[in-house]
Amino acid sequence: QVSTEVASKLVESCLSLGLVNALSFKLLYQQITDDTVAQSGQTLAQQPSAKTQLDLRKLTRLQLDHLGINLAADEQIACSYGDRRYYSYRQQTHEGRPATGRMAMIIAKR
């Protein structure tokens, strides 16, 4: 969950850097957020501090598609917040536990 201002900056950056196929700002924003601001009938400028959910998985898929990269498998990945097998700073702080951990993701070409 991020502010609509952060989500807007992410969308603007993806579009200006050519990280996704030519999409309009509104279309990309709607595709990667829960779009609660648009559903409320207000514009992003009217609610810059409103919260929205980012779908980073969907954004990543759009970027990979743009680059012509096909996924060998498209499996759902467990959320670190909801799955205790994975470290989650957010989960630990919400539960009042000390939050000291690191995460990394590696993408390798075979």
C-alpha atoms as a PDB file:
ATOM      1  CA  GLN A   1       0.000   0.000   0.000  1.00  0.00           C
ATOM      2  CA  VAL A   2       1.386   3.377  -1.046  1.00  0.00           C
ATOM      3  CA  SER A   3       0.060   6.886  -1.529  1.00  0.00           C
ATOM      4  CA  THR A   4      -1.429   7.737  -4.900  1.00  0.00           C
ATOM      5  CA  GLU A   5       1.412  10.240  -5.259  1.00  0.00           C
ATOM      6  CA  VAL A   6       4.007   7.439  -5.088  1.00  0.00           C
ATOM      7  CA  ALA A   7       1.961   5.264  -7.446  1.00  0.00           C
ATOM      8  CA  SER A   8       1.691   8.162  -9.906  1.00  0.00           C
ATOM      9  CA  LYS A   9       5.453   8.742  -9.833  1.00  0.00           C
ATOM     10  CA  LEU A  10       6.068   5.045 -10.490  1.00  0.00           C
ATOM     11  CA  VAL A  11       3.696   5.073 -13.465  1.00  0.00           C
ATOM     12  CA  GLU A  12       5.226   8.282 -14.849  1.00  0.00           C
ATOM     13  CA  SER A  13       8.734   6.806 -14.552  1.00  0.00           C
ATOM     14  CA  CYS A  14       7.770   3.548 -16.255  1.00  0.00           C
ATOM     15  CA  LEU A  15       6.201   5.450 -19.135  1.00  0.00           C
ATOM     16  CA  SER A  16       8.950   8.050 -19.533  1.00  0.00           C
ATOM     17  CA  LEU A  17      11.708   5.417 -19.409  1.00  0.00           C
ATOM     18  CA  GLY A  18       9.892   3.190 -21.910  1.00  0.00           C
ATOM     19  CA  LEU A  19       9.699   0.259 -19.483  1.00  0.00           C
ATOM     20  CA  VAL A  20       6.262  -0.754 -20.714  1.00  0.00           C
ATOM     21  CA  ASN A  21       4.524  -0.730 -24.063  1.00  0.00           C
ATOM     22  CA  ALA A  22       2.989   2.563 -25.098  1.00  0.00           C
ATOM     23  CA  LEU A  23       0.114   2.910 -22.648  1.00  0.00           C
ATOM     24  CA  SER A  24      -1.673   5.968 -21.397  1.00  0.00           C
ATOM     25  CA  PHE A  25      -1.000   7.078 -17.831  1.00  0.00           C
ATOM     26  CA  LYS A  26      -4.568   6.296 -16.804  1.00  0.00           C
ATOM     27  CA  LEU A  27      -4.554   2.805 -18.338  1.00  0.00           C
ATOM     28  CA  LEU A  28      -1.259   1.787 -16.724  1.00  0.00           C
ATOM     29  CA  TYR A  29      -2.315   3.277 -13.386  1.00  0.00           C
ATOM     30  CA  GLN A  30      -5.575   1.335 -13.478  1.00  0.00           C
ATOM     31  CA  GLN A  31      -3.796  -1.897 -14.415  1.00  0.00           C
ATOM     32  CA  ILE A  32      -1.313  -1.866 -11.541  1.00  0.00           C
ATOM     33  CA  THR A  33      -3.372  -0.354  -8.692  1.00  0.00           C
ATOM     34  CA  ASP A  34      -6.658  -1.098  -7.014  1.00  0.00           C
ATOM     35  CA  ASP A  35      -7.749   2.312  -8.358  1.00  0.00           C
ATOM     36  CA  THR A  36      -9.828   3.284  -5.315  1.00  0.00           C
ATOM     37  CA  VAL A  37      -9.277   6.969  -6.064  1.00  0.00           C
ATOM     38  CA  ALA A  38     -10.700   6.679  -9.576  1.00  0.00           C
ATOM     39  CA  GLN A  39     -13.632   4.677  -8.206  1.00  0.00           C
ATOM     40  CA  SER A  40     -14.353   7.510  -5.776  1.00  0.00           C
ATOM     41  CA  GLY A  41     -14.828   9.852  -8.735  1.00  0.00           C
ATOM     42  CA  GLN A  42     -11.909  12.081  -7.744  1.00  0.00           C
ATOM     43  CA  THR A  43      -8.682  12.675  -9.613  1.00  0.00           C
ATOM     44  CA  LEU A  44      -5.234  11.814  -8.277  1.00  0.00           C
ATOM     45  CA  ALA A  45      -4.520  15.533  -7.861  1.00  0.00           C
ATOM     46  CA  GLN A  46      -7.545  15.859  -5.570  1.00  0.00           C
ATOM     47  CA  GLN A  47      -6.318  13.059  -3.284  1.00  0.00           C
ATOM     48  CA  PRO A  48      -2.498  12.894  -3.456  1.00  0.00           C
ATOM     49  CA  SER A  49      -2.234  11.346   0.016  1.00  0.00           C
ATOM     50  CA  ALA A  50      -4.909   8.702  -0.559  1.00  0.00           C
ATOM     51  CA  LYS A  51      -3.724   5.105  -0.414  1.00  0.00           C
ATOM     52  CA  THR A  52      -3.736   2.532  -3.169  1.00  0.00           C
ATOM     53  CA  GLN A  53      -2.526  -1.037  -3.538  1.00  0.00           C
ATOM     54  CA  LEU A  54       0.227  -1.633  -6.108  1.00  0.00           C
ATOM     55  CA  ASP A  55       0.234  -4.880  -8.066  1.00  0.00           C
ATOM     56  CA  LEU A  56       3.995  -5.212  -8.550  1.00  0.00           C
ATOM     57  CA  ARG A  57       3.568  -8.674 -10.052  1.00  0.00           C
ATOM     58  CA  LYS A  58       1.394  -7.269 -12.819  1.00  0.00           C
ATOM     59  CA  LEU A  59       3.804  -4.371 -13.431  1.00  0.00           C
ATOM     60  CA  THR A  60       6.687  -6.825 -13.693  1.00  0.00           C
ATOM     61  CA  ARG A  61       4.729  -8.932 -16.203  1.00  0.00           C
ATOM     62  CA  LEU A  62       4.012  -5.835 -18.314  1.00  0.00           C
ATOM     63  CA  GLN A  63       7.713  -4.941 -18.297  1.00  0.00           C
ATOM     64  CA  LEU A  64       8.805  -8.481 -19.218  1.00  0.00           C
ATOM     65  CA  ASP A  65       6.214  -8.606 -22.016  1.00  0.00           C
ATOM     66  CA  HIS A  66       7.521  -5.273 -23.305  1.00  0.00           C
ATOM     67  CA  LEU A  67      11.036  -6.730 -23.411  1.00  0.00           C
ATOM     68  CA  GLY A  68       9.825  -9.853 -25.226  1.00  0.00           C
ATOM     69  CA  ILE A  69      10.656 -12.158 -22.327  1.00  0.00           C
ATOM     70  CA  ASN A  70       8.378 -15.151 -21.921  1.00  0.00           C
ATOM     71  CA  LEU A  71       7.985 -16.769 -18.525  1.00  0.00           C
ATOM     72  CA  ALA A  72       8.607 -20.508 -18.332  1.00  0.00           C
ATOM     73  CA  ALA A  73       6.234 -20.721 -15.373  1.00  0.00           C
ATOM     74  CA  ASP A  74       3.823 -18.175 -13.997  1.00  0.00           C
ATOM     75  CA  GLU A  75       3.284 -19.396 -10.463  1.00  0.00           C
ATOM     76  CA  GLN A  76       1.710 -17.365  -7.718  1.00  0.00           C
ATOM     77  CA  ILE A  77       4.356 -16.336  -5.190  1.00  0.00           C
ATOM     78  CA  ALA A  78       3.394 -16.295  -1.534  1.00  0.00           C
ATOM     79  CA  CYS A  79       3.225 -12.893   0.147  1.00  0.00           C
ATOM     80  CA  SER A  80       5.975 -12.432   2.722  1.00  0.00           C
ATOM     81  CA  TYR A  81       3.547 -10.617   5.031  1.00  0.00           C
ATOM     82  CA  GLY A  82       1.070 -13.482   5.158  1.00  0.00           C
ATOM     83  CA  ASP A  83       3.456 -16.444   4.952  1.00  0.00           C
ATOM     84  CA  ARG A  84       5.649 -17.019   8.016  1.00  0.00           C
ATOM     85  CA  ARG A  85       8.198 -18.944   5.936  1.00  0.00           C
ATOM     86  CA  TYR A  86       9.431 -15.561   4.677  1.00  0.00           C
ATOM     87  CA  TYR A  87      10.794 -12.540   6.466  1.00  0.00           C
ATOM     88  CA  SER A  88       8.555  -9.474   6.520  1.00  0.00           C
ATOM     89  CA  TYR A  89       9.588  -6.210   8.157  1.00  0.00           C
ATOM     90  CA  ARG A  90       5.993  -5.013   7.952  1.00  0.00           C
ATOM     91  CA  GLN A  91       4.634  -8.172   9.595  1.00  0.00           C
ATOM     92  CA  GLN A  92       7.157  -8.026  12.418  1.00  0.00           C
ATOM     93  CA  THR A  93       6.564  -4.347  13.192  1.00  0.00           C
ATOM     94  CA  HIS A  94       2.776  -4.812  13.113  1.00  0.00           C
ATOM     95  CA  GLU A  95       3.182  -7.620  15.660  1.00  0.00           C
ATOM     96  CA  GLY A  96       5.498  -5.520  17.831  1.00  0.00           C
ATOM     97  CA  ARG A  97       8.482  -7.842  17.307  1.00  0.00           C
ATOM     98  CA  PRO A  98      12.015  -6.599  16.565  1.00  0.00           C
ATOM     99  CA  ALA A  99      12.379  -6.203  12.809  1.00  0.00           C
ATOM    100  CA  THR A 100      15.897  -6.962  11.652  1.00  0.00           C
ATOM    101  CA  GLY A 101      16.222  -8.856   8.423  1.00  0.00           C
ATOM    102  CA  ARG A 102      17.315  -8.568   4.867  1.00  0.00           C
ATOM    103  CA  MET A 103      15.818  -9.831   1.648  1.00  0.00           C
ATOM    104  CA  ALA A 104      17.221 -10.243  -1.827  1.00  0.00           C
ATOM    105  CA  MET A 105      15.912 -11.447  -5.144  1.00  0.00           C
ATOM    106  CA  ILE A 106      18.099 -12.931  -7.821  1.00  0.00           C
ATOM    107  CA  ILE A 107      17.152 -13.406 -11.447  1.00  0.00           C
ATOM    108  CA  ALA A 108      19.511 -15.667 -13.357  1.00  0.00           C
ATOM    109  CA  LYS A 109      19.665 -16.735 -16.965  1.00  0.00           C
ATOM    110  CA  ARG A 110      20.226 -20.453 -17.525  1.00  0.00           C
END
